[in-house]
Amino acid sequence: MPIVYGEEVIMDRPYDFNDIIGHSWLTQFIRDNVAKGTLPHFLILEGAEGLGKTSMADIIALNLVYGMEDSEDKRAAHAVLAE
């Protein structure tokens, strides 16, 4: 189902941190800490409906489990989460 963001239409859920629109400080913080292995023990993703909390959580989980690099396993897991 397409998601309308301003004038831009997004056809699928974001796959990695580069696909997140806005939230640049948050994505940079999480990307850096996942890469270094120093992610906090918990993160609270809070806000109104449609801000990308679930998408961000899915991306964090995929990168923690499969690493920051692209792989077939990571794409397959993303396809399951995006359903």
Protein backbone atom coordinates (compact mmCIF):
# COMPACT_ATOMS: atom_id res chain seq x y z
CA MET A 1 0.00 0.00 0.00
CA PRO A 2 1.52 3.36 -0.96
CA ILE A 3 2.40 5.82 1.77
CA VAL A 4 2.04 9.53 0.95
CA TYR A 5 4.62 11.81 2.55
CA GLY A 6 4.09 15.39 1.39
CA GLU A 7 4.27 15.12 -2.38
CA GLU A 8 6.41 11.97 -2.29
CA VAL A 9 4.82 8.53 -2.51
CA ILE A 10 6.65 5.67 -0.81
CA MET A 11 5.65 2.25 -2.07
CA ASP A 12 7.25 0.05 0.60
CA ARG A 13 8.51 0.23 4.13
CA PRO A 14 12.07 1.57 4.40
CA TYR A 15 14.79 -1.08 4.09
CA ASP A 16 17.75 0.65 5.72
CA PHE A 17 18.68 3.86 7.49
CA ASN A 18 19.22 5.68 4.17
CA ASP A 19 15.52 5.15 3.34
CA ILE A 20 14.27 6.98 6.44
CA ILE A 21 12.90 10.44 5.62
CA GLY A 22 13.75 13.02 8.26
CA HIS A 23 14.94 11.99 11.73
CA SER A 24 18.54 12.44 10.51
CA TRP A 25 20.00 12.90 14.01
CA LEU A 26 18.27 9.73 15.23
CA THR A 27 19.25 7.60 12.26
CA GLN A 28 22.87 8.80 12.50
CA PHE A 29 22.98 8.08 16.26
CA ILE A 30 21.57 4.57 15.83
CA ARG A 31 23.68 3.80 12.73
CA ASP A 32 26.89 4.82 14.51
CA ASN A 33 26.08 2.91 17.68
CA VAL A 34 24.99 -0.26 15.88
CA ALA A 35 28.22 -0.19 13.86
CA LYS A 36 30.31 0.29 17.03
CA GLY A 37 28.27 -2.23 19.05
CA THR A 38 27.41 0.38 21.68
CA LEU A 39 23.65 0.69 21.21
CA PRO A 40 21.84 1.51 24.47
CA HIS A 41 20.08 -1.35 26.26
CA PHE A 42 16.71 0.07 25.28
CA LEU A 43 15.25 2.78 23.09
CA ILE A 44 11.82 4.35 23.45
CA LEU A 45 10.30 5.18 20.08
CA GLU A 46 7.37 7.44 20.90
CA GLY A 47 5.16 9.66 18.80
CA ALA A 48 2.02 10.00 16.75
CA GLU A 49 0.79 7.44 14.24
CA GLY A 50 2.68 7.37 10.95
CA LEU A 51 6.01 8.77 12.14
CA GLY A 52 7.97 5.58 11.41
CA LYS A 53 8.37 4.02 14.86
CA THR A 54 7.73 0.48 13.64
CA SER A 55 9.86 0.98 10.53
CA MET A 56 12.74 2.29 12.65
CA ALA A 57 12.40 -0.65 15.06
CA ASP A 58 12.41 -3.12 12.14
CA ILE A 59 15.52 -1.53 10.62
CA ILE A 60 17.33 -1.57 13.98
CA ALA A 61 16.45 -5.24 14.48
CA LEU A 62 17.56 -6.22 10.96
CA ASN A 63 20.89 -4.44 11.39
CA LEU A 64 21.52 -5.97 14.81
CA VAL A 65 20.77 -9.49 13.60
CA TYR A 66 22.19 -9.41 10.04
CA GLY A 67 24.76 -6.62 10.29
CA MET A 68 25.00 -3.32 8.46
CA GLU A 69 25.89 -4.86 5.08
CA ASP A 70 23.25 -5.94 2.56
CA SER A 71 22.61 -9.69 2.24
CA GLU A 72 20.04 -12.10 0.84
CA ASP A 73 19.05 -13.22 4.35
CA LYS A 74 18.51 -9.61 5.40
CA ARG A 75 16.34 -8.92 2.33
CA ALA A 76 14.28 -12.05 2.98
CA ALA A 77 13.73 -11.05 6.62
CA HIS A 78 12.73 -7.53 5.51
CA ALA A 79 10.18 -8.99 3.09
CA VAL A 80 8.58 -10.91 5.98
CA LEU A 81 8.49 -7.82 8.21
CA ALA A 82 7.03 -5.63 5.43
CA GLU A 83 3.97 -7.86 4.98
